């Protein structure tokens, strides 16, 4: 078994998956500068939330509310809503694959 061949097979399977094709299609529909700005603002707030959670171990109610409001506003636009949802679905697959690979090569330091 050639590891590189398997990696290419996995890449091909991901590229052909319905989740990736839906994500790619929804991303192509985001052509308006205002739509891109809304997505960028949401990303910025997500990053702030992540940093807050890492620093404090949890999100403040203010941050939760802020994220919720931004998401609700962004979701009023069907193209942005579909983009965010398809990105999340593909992101879950990506995270699962990374978890599987990480667990497969985890080295037990007790040896």
PDB file of N, CA and C in Angstrom:
ATOM      1  N   UNK A   1       0.845  -1.181   0.000  1.00  0.00           N
ATOM      2  CA  UNK A   1       0.000   0.000   0.000  1.00  0.00           C
ATOM      3  C   UNK A   1       0.889   1.243   0.000  1.00  0.00           C
ATOM      4  N   UNK A   2       0.615   2.147  -0.910  1.00  0.00           N
ATOM      5  CA  UNK A   2       1.349   3.398  -1.003  1.00  0.00           C
ATOM      6  C   UNK A   2       0.529   4.489  -0.311  1.00  0.00           C
ATOM      7  N   UNK A   3       1.105   5.081   0.724  1.00  0.00           N
ATOM      8  CA  UNK A   3       0.413   6.103   1.503  1.00  0.00           C
ATOM      9  C   UNK A   3       0.031   7.294   0.627  1.00  0.00           C
ATOM     10  N   UNK A   4       0.883   7.666  -0.278  1.00  0.00           N
ATOM     11  CA  UNK A   4       0.598   8.809  -1.147  1.00  0.00           C
ATOM     12  C   UNK A   4      -0.584   8.530  -2.067  1.00  0.00           C
ATOM     13  N   UNK A   5      -0.675   7.315  -2.555  1.00  0.00           N
ATOM     14  CA  UNK A   5      -1.816   6.946  -3.387  1.00  0.00           C
ATOM     15  C   UNK A   5      -3.117   7.054  -2.586  1.00  0.00           C
ATOM     16  N   UNK A   6      -3.090   6.587  -1.358  1.00  0.00           N
ATOM     17  CA  UNK A   6      -4.272   6.676  -0.488  1.00  0.00           C
ATOM     18  C   UNK A   6      -4.635   8.128  -0.197  1.00  0.00           C
ATOM     19  N   UNK A   7      -3.630   8.958  -0.002  1.00  0.00           N
ATOM     20  CA  UNK A   7      -3.882  10.384   0.242  1.00  0.00           C
ATOM     21  C   UNK A   7      -4.550  11.021  -0.968  1.00  0.00           C
ATOM     22  N   UNK A   8      -4.093  10.649  -2.159  1.00  0.00           N
ATOM     23  CA  UNK A   8      -4.710  11.167  -3.380  1.00  0.00           C
ATOM     24  C   UNK A   8      -6.143  10.653  -3.541  1.00  0.00           C
ATOM     25  N   UNK A   9      -6.366   9.414  -3.145  1.00  0.00           N
ATOM     26  CA  UNK A   9      -7.731   8.865  -3.182  1.00  0.00           C
ATOM     27  C   UNK A   9      -8.651   9.638  -2.238  1.00  0.00           C
ATOM     28  N   UNK A  10      -8.155   9.928  -1.057  1.00  0.00           N
ATOM     29  CA  UNK A  10      -8.939  10.692  -0.089  1.00  0.00           C
ATOM     30  C   UNK A  10      -9.219  12.099  -0.616  1.00  0.00           C
ATOM     31  N   UNK A  11      -8.210  12.720  -1.191  1.00  0.00           N
ATOM     32  CA  UNK A  11      -8.397  14.066  -1.752  1.00  0.00           C
ATOM     33  C   UNK A  11      -9.456  14.051  -2.847  1.00  0.00           C
ATOM     34  N   UNK A  12      -9.405  13.042  -3.694  1.00  0.00           N
ATOM     35  CA  UNK A  12     -10.387  12.921  -4.776  1.00  0.00           C
ATOM     36  C   UNK A  12     -11.790  12.699  -4.202  1.00  0.00           C
ATOM     37  N   UNK A  13     -11.895  11.849  -3.195  1.00  0.00           N
ATOM     38  CA  UNK A  13     -13.193  11.586  -2.571  1.00  0.00           C
ATOM     39  C   UNK A  13     -13.760  12.856  -1.934  1.00  0.00           C
ATOM     40  N   UNK A  14     -12.909  13.625  -1.276  1.00  0.00           N
ATOM     41  CA  UNK A  14     -13.358  14.888  -0.692  1.00  0.00           C
ATOM     42  C   UNK A  14     -13.826  15.861  -1.765  1.00  0.00           C
ATOM     43  N   UNK A  15     -13.037  15.976  -2.800  1.00  0.00           N
ATOM     44  CA  UNK A  15     -13.371  16.908  -3.884  1.00  0.00           C
ATOM     45  C   UNK A  15     -14.686  16.539  -4.560  1.00  0.00           C
ATOM     46  N   UNK A  16     -14.986  15.246  -4.626  1.00  0.00           N
ATOM     47  CA  UNK A  16     -16.201  14.779  -5.287  1.00  0.00           C
ATOM     48  C   UNK A  16     -17.385  14.640  -4.329  1.00  0.00           C
ATOM     49  N   UNK A  17     -17.167  14.878  -3.053  1.00  0.00           N
ATOM     50  CA  UNK A  17     -18.249  14.713  -2.077  1.00  0.00           C
ATOM     51  C   UNK A  17     -19.334  15.768  -2.295  1.00  0.00           C
ATOM     52  N   UNK A  18     -20.551  15.397  -1.944  1.00  0.00           N
ATOM     53  CA  UNK A  18     -21.665  16.330  -2.108  1.00  0.00           C
ATOM     54  C   UNK A  18     -21.487  17.548  -1.208  1.00  0.00           C
ATOM     55  N   UNK A  19     -20.877  17.355  -0.052  1.00  0.00           N
ATOM     56  CA  UNK A  19     -20.658  18.469   0.866  1.00  0.00           C
ATOM     57  C   UNK A  19     -19.685  19.488   0.280  1.00  0.00           C
ATOM     58  N   UNK A  20     -18.611  19.006  -0.327  1.00  0.00           N
ATOM     59  CA  UNK A  20     -17.644  19.935  -0.914  1.00  0.00           C
ATOM     60  C   UNK A  20     -18.223  20.612  -2.144  1.00  0.00           C
ATOM     61  N   UNK A  21     -18.892  19.861  -2.999  1.00  0.00           N
ATOM     62  CA  UNK A  21     -19.443  20.481  -4.208  1.00  0.00           C
ATOM     63  C   UNK A  21     -20.504  21.524  -3.848  1.00  0.00           C
ATOM     64  N   UNK A  22     -21.297  21.261  -2.816  1.00  0.00           N
ATOM     65  CA  UNK A  22     -22.285  22.255  -2.367  1.00  0.00           C
ATOM     66  C   UNK A  22     -21.584  23.491  -1.801  1.00  0.00           C
ATOM     67  N   UNK A  23     -20.520  23.274  -1.041  1.00  0.00           N
ATOM     68  CA  UNK A  23     -19.759  24.389  -0.484  1.00  0.00           C
ATOM     69  C   UNK A  23     -19.143  25.229  -1.602  1.00  0.00           C
ATOM     70  N   UNK A  24     -18.533  24.553  -2.552  1.00  0.00           N
ATOM     71  CA  UNK A  24     -17.896  25.261  -3.670  1.00  0.00           C
ATOM     72  C   UNK A  24     -18.931  26.055  -4.465  1.00  0.00           C
ATOM     73  N   UNK A  25     -20.074  25.443  -4.728  1.00  0.00           N
ATOM     74  CA  UNK A  25     -21.138  26.113  -5.481  1.00  0.00           C
ATOM     75  C   UNK A  25     -21.641  27.338  -4.723  1.00  0.00           C
ATOM     76  N   UNK A  26     -21.862  27.188  -3.426  1.00  0.00           N
ATOM     77  CA  UNK A  26     -22.366  28.320  -2.640  1.00  0.00           C
ATOM     78  C   UNK A  26     -21.325  29.434  -2.558  1.00  0.00           C
ATOM     79  N   UNK A  27     -20.061  29.062  -2.526  1.00  0.00           N
ATOM     80  CA  UNK A  27     -18.991  30.069  -2.478  1.00  0.00           C
ATOM     81  C   UNK A  27     -18.940  30.864  -3.782  1.00  0.00           C
ATOM     82  N   UNK A  28     -19.168  30.201  -4.893  1.00  0.00           N
ATOM     83  CA  UNK A  28     -19.163  30.868  -6.199  1.00  0.00           C
ATOM     84  C   UNK A  28     -20.296  31.887  -6.331  1.00  0.00           C
ATOM     85  N   UNK A  29     -21.361  31.710  -5.560  1.00  0.00           N
ATOM     86  CA  UNK A  29     -22.498  32.626  -5.615  1.00  0.00           C
ATOM     87  C   UNK A  29     -22.267  33.910  -4.821  1.00  0.00           C
ATOM     88  N   UNK A  30     -21.230  33.912  -3.996  1.00  0.00           N
ATOM     89  CA  UNK A  30     -20.904  35.102  -3.203  1.00  0.00           C
ATOM     90  C   UNK A  30     -20.000  35.998  -4.055  1.00  0.00           C
ATOM     91  N   UNK A  31     -20.633  36.842  -4.842  1.00  0.00           N
ATOM     92  CA  UNK A  31     -19.884  37.716  -5.744  1.00  0.00           C
ATOM     93  C   UNK A  31     -20.009  39.185  -5.349  1.00  0.00           C
ATOM     94  N   UNK A  32     -21.048  39.501  -4.612  1.00  0.00           N
ATOM     95  CA  UNK A  32     -21.302  40.881  -4.213  1.00  0.00           C
ATOM     96  C   UNK A  32     -20.339  41.288  -3.099  1.00  0.00           C
ATOM     97  N   UNK A  33     -19.771  42.465  -3.227  1.00  0.00           N
ATOM     98  CA  UNK A  33     -18.832  42.963  -2.218  1.00  0.00           C
ATOM     99  C   UNK A  33     -19.446  43.083  -0.838  1.00  0.00           C
ATOM    100  N   UNK A  34     -20.715  43.463  -0.785  1.00  0.00           N
ATOM    101  CA  UNK A  34     -21.391  43.575   0.517  1.00  0.00           C
ATOM    102  C   UNK A  34     -21.552  42.211   1.170  1.00  0.00           C
ATOM    103  N   UNK A  35     -21.868  41.197   0.372  1.00  0.00           N
ATOM    104  CA  UNK A  35     -21.986  39.835   0.905  1.00  0.00           C
ATOM    105  C   UNK A  35     -20.657  39.370   1.483  1.00  0.00           C
ATOM    106  N   UNK A  36     -19.583  39.648   0.754  1.00  0.00           N
ATOM    107  CA  UNK A  36     -18.254  39.270   1.231  1.00  0.00           C
ATOM    108  C   UNK A  36     -17.913  39.997   2.528  1.00  0.00           C
ATOM    109  N   UNK A  37     -18.327  41.259   2.615  1.00  0.00           N
ATOM    110  CA  UNK A  37     -18.067  42.042   3.821  1.00  0.00           C
ATOM    111  C   UNK A  37     -18.813  41.452   5.020  1.00  0.00           C
ATOM    112  N   UNK A  38     -20.067  41.062   4.821  1.00  0.00           N
ATOM    113  CA  UNK A  38     -20.856  40.449   5.892  1.00  0.00           C
ATOM    114  C   UNK A  38     -20.177  39.164   6.375  1.00  0.00           C
ATOM    115  N   UNK A  39     -19.733  38.345   5.437  1.00  0.00           N
ATOM    116  CA  UNK A  39     -19.055  37.090   5.791  1.00  0.00           C
ATOM    117  C   UNK A  39     -17.753  37.377   6.529  1.00  0.00           C
ATOM    118  N   UNK A  40     -16.997  38.358   6.055  1.00  0.00           N
ATOM    119  CA  UNK A  40     -15.741  38.721   6.721  1.00  0.00           C
ATOM    120  C   UNK A  40     -15.978  39.207   8.147  1.00  0.00           C
ATOM    121  N   UNK A  41     -17.024  39.997   8.351  1.00  0.00           N
ATOM    122  CA  UNK A  41     -17.355  40.483   9.695  1.00  0.00           C
ATOM    123  C   UNK A  41     -17.737  39.313  10.604  1.00  0.00           C
ATOM    124  N   UNK A  42     -18.496  38.374  10.054  1.00  0.00           N
ATOM    125  CA  UNK A  42     -18.877  37.202  10.837  1.00  0.00           C
ATOM    126  C   UNK A  42     -17.648  36.382  11.199  1.00  0.00           C
ATOM    127  N   UNK A  43     -16.731  36.204  10.255  1.00  0.00           N
ATOM    128  CA  UNK A  43     -15.481  35.464  10.508  1.00  0.00           C
ATOM    129  C   UNK A  43     -14.665  36.139  11.605  1.00  0.00           C
ATOM    130  N   UNK A  44     -14.581  37.462  11.518  1.00  0.00           N
ATOM    131  CA  UNK A  44     -13.821  38.221  12.509  1.00  0.00           C
ATOM    132  C   UNK A  44     -14.413  37.994  13.904  1.00  0.00           C
ATOM    133  N   UNK A  45     -15.727  38.030  14.007  1.00  0.00           N
ATOM    134  CA  UNK A  45     -16.388  37.825  15.296  1.00  0.00           C
ATOM    135  C   UNK A  45     -16.187  36.386  15.780  1.00  0.00           C
ATOM    136  N   UNK A  46     -16.208  35.415  14.861  1.00  0.00           N
ATOM    137  CA  UNK A  46     -15.955  34.027  15.240  1.00  0.00           C
ATOM    138  C   UNK A  46     -14.547  33.875  15.809  1.00  0.00           C
ATOM    139  N   UNK A  47     -13.587  34.526  15.187  1.00  0.00           N
ATOM    140  CA  UNK A  47     -12.205  34.469  15.672  1.00  0.00           C
ATOM    141  C   UNK A  47     -12.095  35.101  17.060  1.00  0.00           C
ATOM    142  N   UNK A  48     -12.752  36.229  17.253  1.00  0.00           N
ATOM    143  CA  UNK A  48     -12.763  36.866  18.571  1.00  0.00           C
ATOM    144  C   UNK A  48     -13.380  35.923  19.612  1.00  0.00           C
ATOM    145  N   UNK A  49     -14.457  35.260  19.227  1.00  0.00           N
ATOM    146  CA  UNK A  49     -15.122  34.329  20.141  1.00  0.00           C
ATOM    147  C   UNK A  49     -14.199  33.169  20.485  1.00  0.00           C
ATOM    148  N   UNK A  50     -13.515  32.645  19.479  1.00  0.00           N
ATOM    149  CA  UNK A  50     -12.573  31.543  19.712  1.00  0.00           C
ATOM    150  C   UNK A  50     -11.479  31.974  20.685  1.00  0.00           C
ATOM    151  N   UNK A  51     -10.937  33.161  20.457  1.00  0.00           N
ATOM    152  CA  UNK A  51      -9.877  33.659  21.330  1.00  0.00           C
ATOM    153  C   UNK A  51     -10.386  33.854  22.761  1.00  0.00           C
ATOM    154  N   UNK A  52     -11.604  34.362  22.875  1.00  0.00           N
ATOM    155  CA  UNK A  52     -12.191  34.541  24.203  1.00  0.00           C
ATOM    156  C   UNK A  52     -12.383  33.196  24.904  1.00  0.00           C
ATOM    157  N   UNK A  53     -12.844  32.215  24.158  1.00  0.00           N
ATOM    158  CA  UNK A  53     -13.073  30.904  24.745  1.00  0.00           C
ATOM    159  C   UNK A  53     -11.766  30.260  25.192  1.00  0.00           C
ATOM    160  N   UNK A  54     -10.726  30.420  24.387  1.00  0.00           N
ATOM    161  CA  UNK A  54      -9.422  29.865  24.757  1.00  0.00           C
ATOM    162  C   UNK A  54      -8.892  30.558  26.009  1.00  0.00           C
ATOM    163  N   UNK A  55      -9.020  31.862  26.070  1.00  0.00           N
ATOM    164  CA  UNK A  55      -8.491  32.617  27.207  1.00  0.00           C
ATOM    165  C   UNK A  55      -9.296  32.393  28.488  1.00  0.00           C
ATOM    166  N   UNK A  56     -10.620  32.351  28.350  1.00  0.00           N
ATOM    167  CA  UNK A  56     -11.480  32.316  29.537  1.00  0.00           C
ATOM    168  C   UNK A  56     -12.115  30.957  29.800  1.00  0.00           C
ATOM    169  N   UNK A  57     -11.990  30.045  28.871  1.00  0.00           N
ATOM    170  CA  UNK A  57     -12.600  28.738  29.030  1.00  0.00           C
ATOM    171  C   UNK A  57     -14.074  28.702  28.674  1.00  0.00           C
ATOM    172  N   UNK A  58     -14.643  29.845  28.368  1.00  0.00           N
ATOM    173  CA  UNK A  58     -16.044  29.916  27.970  1.00  0.00           C
ATOM    174  C   UNK A  58     -16.305  31.255  27.288  1.00  0.00           C
ATOM    175  N   UNK A  59     -17.464  31.324  26.650  1.00  0.00           N
ATOM    176  CA  UNK A  59     -17.873  32.566  25.996  1.00  0.00           C
ATOM    177  C   UNK A  59     -18.759  33.376  26.931  1.00  0.00           C
ATOM    178  N   UNK A  60     -18.561  34.672  26.904  1.00  0.00           N
ATOM    179  CA  UNK A  60     -19.432  35.555  27.675  1.00  0.00           C
ATOM    180  C   UNK A  60     -20.805  35.605  27.005  1.00  0.00           C
ATOM    181  N   UNK A  61     -21.802  35.954  27.784  1.00  0.00           N
ATOM    182  CA  UNK A  61     -23.147  36.106  27.228  1.00  0.00           C
ATOM    183  C   UNK A  61     -23.163  37.182  26.151  1.00  0.00           C
ATOM    184  N   UNK A  62     -22.382  38.224  26.371  1.00  0.00           N
ATOM    185  CA  UNK A  62     -22.300  39.311  25.391  1.00  0.00           C
ATOM    186  C   UNK A  62     -21.773  38.796  24.049  1.00  0.00           C
ATOM    187  N   UNK A  63     -20.737  37.973  24.097  1.00  0.00           N
ATOM    188  CA  UNK A  63     -20.173  37.424  22.868  1.00  0.00           C
ATOM    189  C   UNK A  63     -21.162  36.486  22.190  1.00  0.00           C
ATOM    190  N   UNK A  64     -21.829  35.633  22.982  1.00  0.00           N
ATOM    191  CA  UNK A  64     -22.834  34.735  22.417  1.00  0.00           C
ATOM    192  C   UNK A  64     -23.925  35.521  21.705  1.00  0.00           C
ATOM    193  N   UNK A  65     -24.405  36.574  22.355  1.00  0.00           N
ATOM    194  CA  UNK A  65     -25.460  37.402  21.760  1.00  0.00           C
ATOM    195  C   UNK A  65     -24.974  38.100  20.495  1.00  0.00           C
ATOM    196  N   UNK A  66     -23.769  38.606  20.542  1.00  0.00           N
ATOM    197  CA  UNK A  66     -23.199  39.294  19.391  1.00  0.00           C
ATOM    198  C   UNK A  66     -23.082  38.355  18.189  1.00  0.00           C
ATOM    199  N   UNK A  67     -22.585  37.138  18.444  1.00  0.00           N
ATOM    200  CA  UNK A  67     -22.477  36.136  17.376  1.00  0.00           C
ATOM    201  C   UNK A  67     -23.857  35.764  16.832  1.00  0.00           C
ATOM    202  N   UNK A  68     -24.804  35.590  17.726  1.00  0.00           N
ATOM    203  CA  UNK A  68     -26.161  35.220  17.323  1.00  0.00           C
ATOM    204  C   UNK A  68     -26.784  36.302  16.441  1.00  0.00           C
ATOM    205  N   UNK A  69     -26.619  37.549  16.829  1.00  0.00           N
ATOM    206  CA  UNK A  69     -27.178  38.656  16.053  1.00  0.00           C
ATOM    207  C   UNK A  69     -26.525  38.724  14.681  1.00  0.00           C
ATOM    208  N   UNK A  70     -25.207  38.607  14.638  1.00  0.00           N
ATOM    209  CA  UNK A  70     -24.509  38.629  13.347  1.00  0.00           C
ATOM    210  C   UNK A  70     -24.965  37.481  12.456  1.00  0.00           C
ATOM    211  N   UNK A  71     -25.111  36.286  13.039  1.00  0.00           N
ATOM    212  CA  UNK A  71     -25.542  35.132  12.252  1.00  0.00           C
ATOM    213  C   UNK A  71     -26.965  35.332  11.729  1.00  0.00           C
ATOM    214  N   UNK A  72     -27.837  35.817  12.571  1.00  0.00           N
ATOM    215  CA  UNK A  72     -29.221  36.053  12.144  1.00  0.00           C
ATOM    216  C   UNK A  72     -29.287  37.091  11.032  1.00  0.00           C
ATOM    217  N   UNK A  73     -28.507  38.161  11.170  1.00  0.00           N
ATOM    218  CA  UNK A  73     -28.473  39.183  10.125  1.00  0.00           C
ATOM    219  C   UNK A  73     -27.920  38.616   8.816  1.00  0.00           C
ATOM    220  N   UNK A  74     -26.837  37.863   8.930  1.00  0.00           N
ATOM    221  CA  UNK A  74     -26.227  37.263   7.734  1.00  0.00           C
ATOM    222  C   UNK A  74     -27.177  36.271   7.080  1.00  0.00           C
ATOM    223  N   UNK A  75     -27.934  35.548   7.903  1.00  0.00           N
ATOM    224  CA  UNK A  75     -28.826  34.510   7.390  1.00  0.00           C
ATOM    225  C   UNK A  75     -30.057  35.059   6.681  1.00  0.00           C
ATOM    226  N   UNK A  76     -30.282  36.329   6.791  1.00  0.00           N
ATOM    227  CA  UNK A  76     -31.396  36.947   6.069  1.00  0.00           C
ATOM    228  C   UNK A  76     -31.143  36.919   4.564  1.00  0.00           C
ATOM    229  N   UNK A  77     -29.877  36.841   4.203  1.00  0.00           N
ATOM    230  CA  UNK A  77     -29.498  36.733   2.795  1.00  0.00           C
ATOM    231  C   UNK A  77     -29.378  35.242   2.467  1.00  0.00           C
ATOM    232  N   UNK A  78     -30.235  34.718   1.581  1.00  0.00           N
ATOM    233  CA  UNK A  78     -30.219  33.276   1.288  1.00  0.00           C
ATOM    234  C   UNK A  78     -28.869  32.758   0.781  1.00  0.00           C
ATOM    235  N   UNK A  79     -28.155  33.575   0.004  1.00  0.00           N
ATOM    236  CA  UNK A  79     -26.850  33.128  -0.507  1.00  0.00           C
ATOM    237  C   UNK A  79     -25.838  32.980   0.624  1.00  0.00           C
ATOM    238  N   UNK A  80     -25.835  33.943   1.527  1.00  0.00           N
ATOM    239  CA  UNK A  80     -24.904  33.885   2.650  1.00  0.00           C
ATOM    240  C   UNK A  80     -25.283  32.737   3.580  1.00  0.00           C
ATOM    241  N   UNK A  81     -26.565  32.572   3.825  1.00  0.00           N
ATOM    242  CA  UNK A  81     -27.023  31.496   4.696  1.00  0.00           C
ATOM    243  C   UNK A  81     -26.593  30.143   4.139  1.00  0.00           C
ATOM    244  N   UNK A  82     -26.804  29.921   2.847  1.00  0.00           N
ATOM    245  CA  UNK A  82     -26.421  28.654   2.222  1.00  0.00           C
ATOM    246  C   UNK A  82     -24.901  28.465   2.279  1.00  0.00           C
ATOM    247  N   UNK A  83     -24.160  29.541   2.058  1.00  0.00           N
ATOM    248  CA  UNK A  83     -22.706  29.473   2.127  1.00  0.00           C
ATOM    249  C   UNK A  83     -22.263  29.042   3.527  1.00  0.00           C
ATOM    250  N   UNK A  84     -22.785  29.701   4.557  1.00  0.00           N
ATOM    251  CA  UNK A  84     -22.386  29.376   5.927  1.00  0.00           C
ATOM    252  C   UNK A  84     -22.778  27.951   6.308  1.00  0.00           C
ATOM    253  N   UNK A  85     -23.958  27.531   5.888  1.00  0.00           N
ATOM    254  CA  UNK A  85     -24.409  26.174   6.213  1.00  0.00           C
ATOM    255  C   UNK A  85     -23.579  25.124   5.487  1.00  0.00           C
ATOM    256  N   UNK A  86     -23.303  25.352   4.207  1.00  0.00           N
ATOM    257  CA  UNK A  86     -22.520  24.375   3.456  1.00  0.00           C
ATOM    258  C   UNK A  86     -21.072  24.337   3.940  1.00  0.00           C
ATOM    259  N   UNK A  87     -20.563  25.480   4.337  1.00  0.00           N
ATOM    260  CA  UNK A  87     -19.211  25.528   4.890  1.00  0.00           C
ATOM    261  C   UNK A  87     -19.150  24.731   6.195  1.00  0.00           C
ATOM    262  N   UNK A  88     -20.173  24.870   7.013  1.00  0.00           N
ATOM    263  CA  UNK A  88     -20.213  24.129   8.276  1.00  0.00           C
ATOM    264  C   UNK A  88     -20.294  22.629   8.038  1.00  0.00           C
ATOM    265  N   UNK A  89     -21.123  22.201   7.082  1.00  0.00           N
ATOM    266  CA  UNK A  89     -21.241  20.766   6.795  1.00  0.00           C
ATOM    267  C   UNK A  89     -19.908  20.197   6.314  1.00  0.00           C
ATOM    268  N   UNK A  90     -19.237  20.913   5.408  1.00  0.00           N
ATOM    269  CA  UNK A  90     -17.945  20.433   4.934  1.00  0.00           C
ATOM    270  C   UNK A  90     -16.913  20.488   6.060  1.00  0.00           C
ATOM    271  N   UNK A  91     -16.979  21.536   6.877  1.00  0.00           N
ATOM    272  CA  UNK A  91     -16.047  21.672   7.996  1.00  0.00           C
ATOM    273  C   UNK A  91     -16.148  20.518   8.982  1.00  0.00           C
ATOM    274  N   UNK A  92     -17.360  20.007   9.185  1.00  0.00           N
ATOM    275  CA  UNK A  92     -17.540  18.862  10.085  1.00  0.00           C
ATOM    276  C   UNK A  92     -16.859  17.615   9.521  1.00  0.00           C
ATOM    277  N   UNK A  93     -17.004  17.407   8.235  1.00  0.00           N
ATOM    278  CA  UNK A  93     -16.330  16.263   7.600  1.00  0.00           C
ATOM    279  C   UNK A  93     -14.819  16.424   7.723  1.00  0.00           C
ATOM    280  N   UNK A  94     -14.334  17.610   7.433  1.00  0.00           N
ATOM    281  CA  UNK A  94     -12.900  17.889   7.509  1.00  0.00           C
ATOM    282  C   UNK A  94     -12.382  17.628   8.925  1.00  0.00           C
ATOM    283  N   UNK A  95     -13.097  18.122   9.921  1.00  0.00           N
ATOM    284  CA  UNK A  95     -12.681  17.927  11.314  1.00  0.00           C
ATOM    285  C   UNK A  95     -12.698  16.444  11.687  1.00  0.00           C
ATOM    286  N   UNK A  96     -13.704  15.710  11.225  1.00  0.00           N
ATOM    287  CA  UNK A  96     -13.764  14.271  11.508  1.00  0.00           C
ATOM    288  C   UNK A  96     -12.578  13.539  10.892  1.00  0.00           C
ATOM    289  N   UNK A  97     -12.236  13.896   9.671  1.00  0.00           N
ATOM    290  CA  UNK A  97     -11.100  13.255   8.998  1.00  0.00           C
ATOM    291  C   UNK A  97      -9.804  13.569   9.737  1.00  0.00           C
ATOM    292  N   UNK A  98      -9.623  14.815  10.141  1.00  0.00           N
ATOM    293  CA  UNK A  98      -8.412  15.187  10.886  1.00  0.00           C
ATOM    294  C   UNK A  98      -8.344  14.420  12.211  1.00  0.00           C
ATOM    295  N   UNK A  99      -9.483  14.241  12.858  1.00  0.00           N
ATOM    296  CA  UNK A  99      -9.520  13.490  14.115  1.00  0.00           C
ATOM    297  C   UNK A  99      -9.128  12.034  13.879  1.00  0.00           C
ATOM    298  N   UNK A 100      -9.672  11.431  12.822  1.00  0.00           N
ATOM    299  CA  UNK A 100      -9.350  10.037  12.487  1.00  0.00           C
ATOM    300  C   UNK A 100      -7.855   9.888  12.214  1.00  0.00           C
ATOM    301  N   UNK A 101      -7.299  10.790  11.429  1.00  0.00           N
ATOM    302  CA  UNK A 101      -5.872  10.716  11.099  1.00  0.00           C
ATOM    303  C   UNK A 101      -5.003  10.950  12.331  1.00  0.00           C
ATOM    304  N   UNK A 102      -5.389  11.901  13.142  1.00  0.00           N
ATOM    305  CA  UNK A 102      -4.616  12.189  14.351  1.00  0.00           C
ATOM    306  C   UNK A 102      -4.617  10.995  15.293  1.00  0.00           C
ATOM    307  N   UNK A 103      -5.781  10.390  15.468  1.00  0.00           N
ATOM    308  CA  UNK A 103      -5.864   9.228  16.350  1.00  0.00           C
ATOM    309  C   UNK A 103      -5.082   8.045  15.779  1.00  0.00           C
ATOM    310  N   UNK A 104      -5.048   7.923  14.467  1.00  0.00           N
ATOM    311  CA  UNK A 104      -4.357   6.796  13.836  1.00  0.00           C
ATOM    312  C   UNK A 104      -2.845   6.863  14.058  1.00  0.00           C
ATOM    313  N   UNK A 105      -2.304   8.051  14.135  1.00  0.00           N
ATOM    314  CA  UNK A 105      -0.840   8.171  14.258  1.00  0.00           C
ATOM    315  C   UNK A 105      -0.424   8.638  15.653  1.00  0.00           C
ATOM    316  N   UNK A 106      -1.360   8.639  16.568  1.00  0.00           N
ATOM    317  CA  UNK A 106      -1.053   9.049  17.935  1.00  0.00           C
ATOM    318  C   UNK A 106      -0.010   8.114  18.519  1.00  0.00           C
ATOM    319  N   UNK A 107       0.994   8.719  19.082  1.00  0.00           N
ATOM    320  CA  UNK A 107       2.081   7.950  19.677  1.00  0.00           C
ATOM    321  C   UNK A 107       1.860   7.897  21.179  1.00  0.00           C
ATOM    322  N   UNK A 108       1.850   6.707  21.694  1.00  0.00           N
ATOM    323  CA  UNK A 108       1.676   6.509  23.125  1.00  0.00           C
ATOM    324  C   UNK A 108       3.031   6.755  23.797  1.00  0.00           C
ATOM    325  N   UNK A 109       3.110   7.814  24.593  1.00  0.00           N
ATOM    326  CA  UNK A 109       4.388   8.147  25.229  1.00  0.00           C
ATOM    327  C   UNK A 109       4.661   7.323  26.486  1.00  0.00           C
ATOM    328  N   UNK A 110       3.826   6.311  26.742  1.00  0.00           N
ATOM    329  CA  UNK A 110       4.038   5.454  27.900  1.00  0.00           C
ATOM    330  C   UNK A 110       4.993   4.300  27.604  1.00  0.00           C
ATOM    331  N   UNK A 111       5.318   4.143  26.320  1.00  0.00           N
ATOM    332  CA  UNK A 111       6.219   3.044  25.936  1.00  0.00           C
ATOM    333  C   UNK A 111       7.637   3.301  26.345  1.00  0.00           C
TER     334      UNK A 111
END
